Structures are given as structure tokens and as C-alpha cells.
N, C-alpha and C. Protein backbone atom coordinates (compact mmCIF):
# COMPACT_ATOMS: atom_id res chain seq x y z
N MET A 1 -94.12 18.84 -2.38
CA MET A 1 -95.07 18.85 -3.54
C MET A 1 -95.57 17.35 -3.45
N GLU A 2 -96.77 17.18 -3.71
CA GLU A 2 -97.56 15.86 -3.63
C GLU A 2 -97.27 15.25 -5.13
N SER A 3 -97.24 13.96 -5.26
CA SER A 3 -97.09 13.29 -6.50
C SER A 3 -98.24 13.63 -7.46
N LYS A 4 -99.51 13.94 -7.00
CA LYS A 4 -100.58 14.32 -7.85
C LYS A 4 -100.26 15.68 -8.60
N ALA A 5 -99.75 16.61 -7.83
CA ALA A 5 -99.44 18.00 -8.46
C ALA A 5 -98.31 17.80 -9.41
N ALA A 6 -97.25 16.99 -9.07
CA ALA A 6 -96.14 16.76 -9.96
C ALA A 6 -96.62 16.11 -11.35
N ILE A 7 -97.57 15.20 -11.18
CA ILE A 7 -98.05 14.60 -12.41
C ILE A 7 -98.91 15.58 -13.12
N THR A 8 -99.61 16.46 -12.63
CA THR A 8 -100.35 17.35 -13.34
C THR A 8 -99.41 18.45 -14.04
N ALA A 9 -98.39 18.88 -13.33
CA ALA A 9 -97.33 19.72 -13.86
C ALA A 9 -96.64 19.04 -14.99
N LEU A 10 -96.12 17.74 -14.86
CA LEU A 10 -95.43 17.11 -15.93
C LEU A 10 -96.30 16.83 -17.14
N GLY A 11 -97.59 16.61 -16.83
CA GLY A 11 -98.54 16.30 -17.86
C GLY A 11 -98.76 17.62 -18.73
N ALA A 12 -98.71 18.82 -18.13
CA ALA A 12 -98.86 20.00 -18.74
C ALA A 12 -97.70 20.22 -19.62
N LEU A 13 -96.49 19.78 -19.19
CA LEU A 13 -95.23 20.03 -19.97
C LEU A 13 -95.05 19.04 -21.10
N ALA A 14 -95.87 18.02 -21.05
CA ALA A 14 -95.71 16.93 -21.94
C ALA A 14 -96.26 17.15 -23.37
N HIS A 15 -96.37 18.23 -23.70
CA HIS A 15 -96.85 18.67 -25.15
C HIS A 15 -95.85 19.67 -25.73
N ALA A 16 -95.39 19.48 -26.98
CA ALA A 16 -94.40 20.20 -27.57
C ALA A 16 -94.60 21.78 -27.37
N THR A 17 -95.84 22.11 -27.86
CA THR A 17 -96.23 23.50 -27.74
C THR A 17 -96.14 24.18 -26.27
N ARG A 18 -96.65 23.45 -25.37
CA ARG A 18 -96.57 23.81 -23.96
C ARG A 18 -95.23 23.98 -23.49
N LEU A 19 -94.46 22.95 -23.76
CA LEU A 19 -93.01 23.08 -23.31
C LEU A 19 -92.27 24.23 -23.86
N GLU A 20 -92.48 24.47 -25.21
CA GLU A 20 -91.88 25.66 -25.74
C GLU A 20 -92.36 26.93 -25.14
N ILE A 21 -93.70 27.03 -24.97
CA ILE A 21 -94.29 28.20 -24.17
C ILE A 21 -93.55 28.44 -22.87
N PHE A 22 -93.57 27.25 -22.11
CA PHE A 22 -93.12 27.39 -20.69
C PHE A 22 -91.47 27.93 -20.71
N ARG A 23 -90.80 27.33 -21.57
CA ARG A 23 -89.37 27.73 -21.74
C ARG A 23 -89.28 29.13 -22.16
N LEU A 24 -90.11 29.64 -23.05
CA LEU A 24 -90.25 30.95 -23.47
C LEU A 24 -90.46 31.92 -22.12
N LEU A 25 -91.51 31.53 -21.42
CA LEU A 25 -91.91 32.23 -20.21
C LEU A 25 -90.78 32.31 -19.18
N VAL A 26 -90.03 31.22 -18.98
CA VAL A 26 -88.94 31.16 -18.12
C VAL A 26 -87.97 32.17 -18.56
N ARG A 27 -87.61 32.30 -19.85
CA ARG A 27 -86.62 33.27 -20.20
C ARG A 27 -87.21 34.69 -20.21
N ALA A 28 -88.43 34.96 -20.27
CA ALA A 28 -88.97 36.22 -20.27
C ALA A 28 -88.93 36.90 -18.84
N GLY A 29 -88.64 36.20 -17.82
CA GLY A 29 -88.58 36.77 -16.54
C GLY A 29 -89.97 37.01 -15.84
N ALA A 30 -89.97 37.75 -14.72
CA ALA A 30 -91.12 37.86 -13.93
C ALA A 30 -92.24 38.85 -14.57
N GLU A 31 -91.84 39.56 -15.57
CA GLU A 31 -92.84 40.49 -16.20
C GLU A 31 -93.70 39.59 -17.14
N GLY A 32 -93.17 38.66 -17.64
CA GLY A 32 -93.95 37.63 -18.48
C GLY A 32 -94.13 38.42 -19.97
N LEU A 33 -94.89 37.72 -20.68
CA LEU A 33 -95.26 38.20 -22.03
C LEU A 33 -96.69 38.26 -22.37
N SER A 34 -97.21 39.10 -23.24
CA SER A 34 -98.45 39.09 -23.74
C SER A 34 -98.74 37.85 -24.60
N VAL A 35 -100.07 37.60 -24.85
CA VAL A 35 -100.51 36.43 -25.70
C VAL A 35 -99.87 36.78 -27.06
N GLY A 36 -99.93 38.01 -27.56
CA GLY A 36 -99.53 38.32 -28.87
C GLY A 36 -97.96 38.14 -29.00
N ARG A 37 -97.23 38.53 -27.94
CA ARG A 37 -95.80 38.29 -27.97
C ARG A 37 -95.38 36.77 -27.97
N ILE A 38 -96.22 36.09 -27.25
CA ILE A 38 -95.96 34.58 -27.18
C ILE A 38 -96.11 34.08 -28.58
N ALA A 39 -97.23 34.38 -29.26
CA ALA A 39 -97.59 33.93 -30.54
C ALA A 39 -96.56 34.29 -31.62
N GLU A 40 -96.14 35.47 -31.45
CA GLU A 40 -94.98 36.06 -32.37
C GLU A 40 -93.75 35.29 -32.26
N ALA A 41 -93.36 35.12 -30.92
CA ALA A 41 -92.19 34.47 -30.63
C ALA A 41 -92.17 32.92 -31.24
N LEU A 42 -93.29 32.33 -31.10
CA LEU A 42 -93.44 30.87 -31.61
C LEU A 42 -93.68 30.74 -32.98
N GLY A 43 -94.17 31.86 -33.65
CA GLY A 43 -94.56 31.77 -35.02
C GLY A 43 -95.86 31.22 -35.22
N ILE A 44 -96.68 31.41 -34.35
CA ILE A 44 -98.06 30.71 -34.48
C ILE A 44 -99.14 31.82 -34.35
N ASP A 45 -100.33 31.55 -34.57
CA ASP A 45 -101.51 32.51 -34.48
C ASP A 45 -101.93 32.60 -32.95
N ALA A 46 -102.27 33.84 -32.56
CA ALA A 46 -102.82 34.06 -31.23
C ALA A 46 -104.35 33.69 -31.19
N ASN A 47 -104.53 32.51 -31.17
CA ASN A 47 -105.97 31.96 -31.26
C ASN A 47 -106.33 31.19 -30.11
N GLY A 48 -107.48 30.52 -30.14
CA GLY A 48 -108.04 29.64 -29.11
C GLY A 48 -107.11 28.54 -28.72
N ARG A 49 -106.44 27.95 -29.69
CA ARG A 49 -105.47 26.92 -29.39
C ARG A 49 -104.36 27.32 -28.50
N LEU A 50 -103.75 28.55 -28.81
CA LEU A 50 -102.70 29.10 -27.91
C LEU A 50 -103.26 29.44 -26.49
N THR A 51 -104.43 29.86 -26.52
CA THR A 51 -105.13 30.12 -25.19
C THR A 51 -105.28 28.81 -24.33
N PHE A 52 -105.70 27.83 -24.97
CA PHE A 52 -105.92 26.53 -24.35
C PHE A 52 -104.53 26.09 -23.78
N HIS A 53 -103.47 26.20 -24.60
CA HIS A 53 -102.17 25.81 -23.96
C HIS A 53 -101.71 26.55 -22.73
N LEU A 54 -101.90 27.78 -22.83
CA LEU A 54 -101.67 28.72 -21.72
C LEU A 54 -102.50 28.45 -20.62
N LYS A 55 -103.81 28.24 -20.78
CA LYS A 55 -104.66 27.86 -19.59
C LYS A 55 -104.26 26.48 -18.94
N GLU A 56 -103.75 25.58 -19.79
CA GLU A 56 -103.24 24.29 -19.23
C GLU A 56 -102.02 24.47 -18.23
N LEU A 57 -101.17 25.40 -18.70
CA LEU A 57 -99.98 25.78 -17.90
C LEU A 57 -100.43 26.46 -16.61
N VAL A 58 -101.35 27.33 -16.68
CA VAL A 58 -101.87 28.01 -15.50
C VAL A 58 -102.61 27.01 -14.58
N GLY A 59 -103.48 26.17 -15.20
CA GLY A 59 -104.18 25.13 -14.48
C GLY A 59 -103.19 24.22 -13.60
N ALA A 60 -102.16 23.88 -14.28
CA ALA A 60 -101.10 23.04 -13.64
C ALA A 60 -100.28 23.82 -12.54
N GLY A 61 -100.52 25.06 -12.40
CA GLY A 61 -99.84 25.79 -11.49
C GLY A 61 -98.32 26.35 -11.91
N LEU A 62 -98.00 26.18 -13.14
CA LEU A 62 -96.68 26.56 -13.65
C LEU A 62 -96.66 27.90 -14.23
N ALA A 63 -97.81 28.60 -14.44
CA ALA A 63 -97.85 29.84 -15.05
C ALA A 63 -98.91 30.63 -14.34
N ASN A 64 -98.60 31.98 -14.37
CA ASN A 64 -99.74 32.91 -13.92
C ASN A 64 -100.13 33.80 -15.06
N SER A 65 -101.41 34.30 -14.97
CA SER A 65 -101.88 35.31 -15.83
C SER A 65 -102.36 36.55 -15.18
N ARG A 66 -102.31 37.61 -15.84
CA ARG A 66 -102.74 38.99 -15.31
C ARG A 66 -103.31 39.79 -16.56
N GLN A 67 -104.22 40.55 -16.32
CA GLN A 67 -104.94 41.41 -17.30
C GLN A 67 -104.37 42.83 -17.00
N GLU A 68 -103.86 43.40 -18.23
CA GLU A 68 -103.45 44.84 -18.13
C GLU A 68 -104.16 45.49 -19.22
N GLY A 69 -105.21 46.22 -18.95
CA GLY A 69 -105.96 46.85 -20.07
C GLY A 69 -106.60 45.72 -20.84
N ARG A 70 -106.43 45.73 -22.15
CA ARG A 70 -107.03 44.79 -22.98
C ARG A 70 -106.02 43.57 -23.34
N PHE A 71 -105.00 43.63 -22.73
CA PHE A 71 -103.95 42.52 -22.86
C PHE A 71 -103.85 41.56 -21.73
N VAL A 72 -103.49 40.20 -22.04
CA VAL A 72 -103.37 39.29 -20.93
C VAL A 72 -101.96 38.86 -20.97
N PHE A 73 -101.22 39.09 -19.80
CA PHE A 73 -99.82 38.62 -19.81
C PHE A 73 -99.65 37.37 -19.06
N TYR A 74 -98.70 36.54 -19.45
CA TYR A 74 -98.51 35.29 -18.78
C TYR A 74 -97.17 35.28 -18.25
N SER A 75 -96.77 34.58 -17.15
CA SER A 75 -95.47 34.60 -16.55
C SER A 75 -95.29 33.24 -15.84
N THR A 76 -94.02 32.92 -15.74
CA THR A 76 -93.73 31.68 -15.04
C THR A 76 -94.13 31.68 -13.43
N ASN A 77 -94.67 30.67 -12.89
CA ASN A 77 -94.67 30.59 -11.57
C ASN A 77 -93.42 29.82 -11.06
N TYR A 78 -92.32 30.69 -10.70
CA TYR A 78 -91.02 30.14 -10.34
C TYR A 78 -91.15 29.40 -9.05
N GLY A 79 -92.02 29.69 -8.29
CA GLY A 79 -92.12 28.76 -6.95
C GLY A 79 -92.70 27.43 -7.24
N ALA A 80 -93.57 27.28 -8.15
CA ALA A 80 -94.07 25.97 -8.62
C ALA A 80 -93.13 25.24 -9.36
N MET A 81 -92.31 25.95 -10.23
CA MET A 81 -91.31 25.37 -11.02
C MET A 81 -90.26 24.79 -10.16
N ASN A 82 -89.83 25.69 -9.10
CA ASN A 82 -88.80 25.05 -8.15
C ASN A 82 -89.23 23.96 -7.31
N GLU A 83 -90.55 23.95 -7.08
CA GLU A 83 -91.06 22.85 -6.18
C GLU A 83 -91.04 21.55 -7.03
N LEU A 84 -91.37 21.63 -8.40
CA LEU A 84 -91.33 20.37 -9.23
C LEU A 84 -89.86 20.01 -9.37
N LEU A 85 -88.96 20.89 -9.59
CA LEU A 85 -87.55 20.58 -9.64
C LEU A 85 -87.08 19.77 -8.43
N ARG A 86 -87.56 20.34 -7.17
CA ARG A 86 -87.21 19.72 -5.97
C ARG A 86 -87.75 18.38 -5.77
N TYR A 87 -88.91 18.30 -6.22
CA TYR A 87 -89.68 17.02 -6.04
C TYR A 87 -88.92 15.92 -6.96
N LEU A 88 -88.49 16.35 -8.14
CA LEU A 88 -87.90 15.44 -9.09
C LEU A 88 -86.45 15.04 -8.65
N THR A 89 -85.76 16.04 -7.86
CA THR A 89 -84.37 15.74 -7.65
C THR A 89 -84.07 15.45 -6.09
N GLU A 90 -85.23 15.33 -5.28
CA GLU A 90 -84.92 15.16 -3.90
C GLU A 90 -84.04 14.08 -3.39
N ASP A 91 -84.09 12.99 -4.17
CA ASP A 91 -83.20 11.84 -3.82
C ASP A 91 -82.14 11.57 -4.93
N CYS A 92 -81.75 12.74 -5.54
CA CYS A 92 -80.93 12.61 -6.75
C CYS A 92 -79.38 12.19 -6.36
N CYS A 93 -78.64 12.00 -7.28
CA CYS A 93 -77.18 11.77 -7.14
C CYS A 93 -76.70 10.48 -6.14
N GLY A 94 -77.59 9.60 -6.16
CA GLY A 94 -77.36 8.37 -5.45
C GLY A 94 -77.01 8.62 -3.85
N GLY A 95 -77.80 9.67 -3.42
CA GLY A 95 -77.66 10.10 -1.93
C GLY A 95 -76.52 11.00 -1.80
N LEU A 96 -75.75 11.41 -2.68
CA LEU A 96 -74.59 12.28 -2.49
C LEU A 96 -75.07 13.72 -2.18
N GLY A 97 -76.24 14.11 -2.69
CA GLY A 97 -76.69 15.38 -2.53
C GLY A 97 -76.42 16.20 -3.69
N CYS A 98 -77.37 17.21 -3.95
CA CYS A 98 -77.24 17.88 -5.30
C CYS A 98 -76.16 19.00 -5.24
N ASP A 99 -75.68 19.30 -4.15
CA ASP A 99 -74.58 20.38 -4.02
C ASP A 99 -73.28 19.85 -4.45
N GLU A 100 -73.05 18.50 -4.63
CA GLU A 100 -72.00 17.94 -5.21
C GLU A 100 -72.00 17.65 -6.66
N ILE A 101 -70.90 17.95 -7.30
CA ILE A 101 -70.88 17.79 -8.81
C ILE A 101 -70.65 16.13 -9.05
N VAL A 102 -71.57 15.75 -9.85
CA VAL A 102 -71.34 14.28 -10.23
C VAL A 102 -71.12 14.28 -11.76
N ALA A 103 -70.04 13.61 -12.03
CA ALA A 103 -69.58 13.50 -13.42
C ALA A 103 -70.74 12.82 -14.31
N ALA A 104 -71.09 13.52 -15.40
CA ALA A 104 -72.17 12.94 -16.34
C ALA A 104 -71.33 11.76 -17.13
N CYS A 105 -72.11 10.81 -17.60
CA CYS A 105 -71.55 9.85 -18.50
C CYS A 105 -71.92 9.96 -19.89
N ASP A 106 -71.12 9.52 -20.76
CA ASP A 106 -71.58 9.73 -22.23
C ASP A 106 -72.67 8.53 -22.49
N THR A 107 -73.23 8.58 -23.64
CA THR A 107 -74.16 7.60 -23.82
C THR A 107 -73.60 6.17 -24.05
N GLU A 108 -72.39 6.07 -24.48
CA GLU A 108 -71.67 4.71 -24.72
C GLU A 108 -71.44 4.06 -23.44
N SER A 109 -70.84 4.77 -22.40
CA SER A 109 -70.58 4.26 -21.15
C SER A 109 -71.69 3.90 -20.31
N CYS A 110 -72.82 4.56 -20.63
CA CYS A 110 -74.10 4.36 -19.73
C CYS A 110 -74.94 3.19 -20.27
N ALA A 111 -74.63 2.65 -21.21
CA ALA A 111 -75.43 1.46 -21.90
C ALA A 111 -75.35 0.19 -21.06
């Protein structure tokens, strides 16, 4: 993944509503959710604002949309999500590699 694509994806996730939508779509699986179900799950109106947030996620490559009859369904683009995670963690763990468990520190000892 190029850094420009990572910046776009992270920018799309850098909004509370979009992050919540993305996490909801990740939990929903490959079938995804209709706009109405997303709005219901988030307790918000299915209006232009929600559509704007969904289009931002699609534009960043993190979500896909598909039309089924009169409903639009959105789902996670797991390939793009994994690419972003790989990009963010490719040099993780001080060079130890991500397959090794590294003990987490508590906030007091990390200061």
C-alpha cells in the first residue's frame, strides 16, 4: 500500500461516525448491511449525512456498495482493511515480527 492510500483510508476513519460505521460493517460480515439497518444500529436517521459518510468509506476503498432492488447494501472491503493493517504494522514489534507475542506495557511503566 502506498502512503497516499493509507492517508486516505486513515482520514476516512478519522471521524467518529465513520469509524463506528466501519466497525459495524466489519462485524456484519461479507453480506454487509442496508443503509436502513446501519442507521437503525447507530440510532441515527438514514439521510444524506449517513450517505455522505458511507460514500467517504467507499471512496477510501474501505467499503463496497451494491444495489439489490431498491436497497443499497454496504460491506467491508476486507482486502483493503488488511492492506492498511499490514502497512501500519509492517515494521512492528521492534523488528521481532508480528508472529511473536510482545508483552504490552501498562500506562504507568510506558511513561
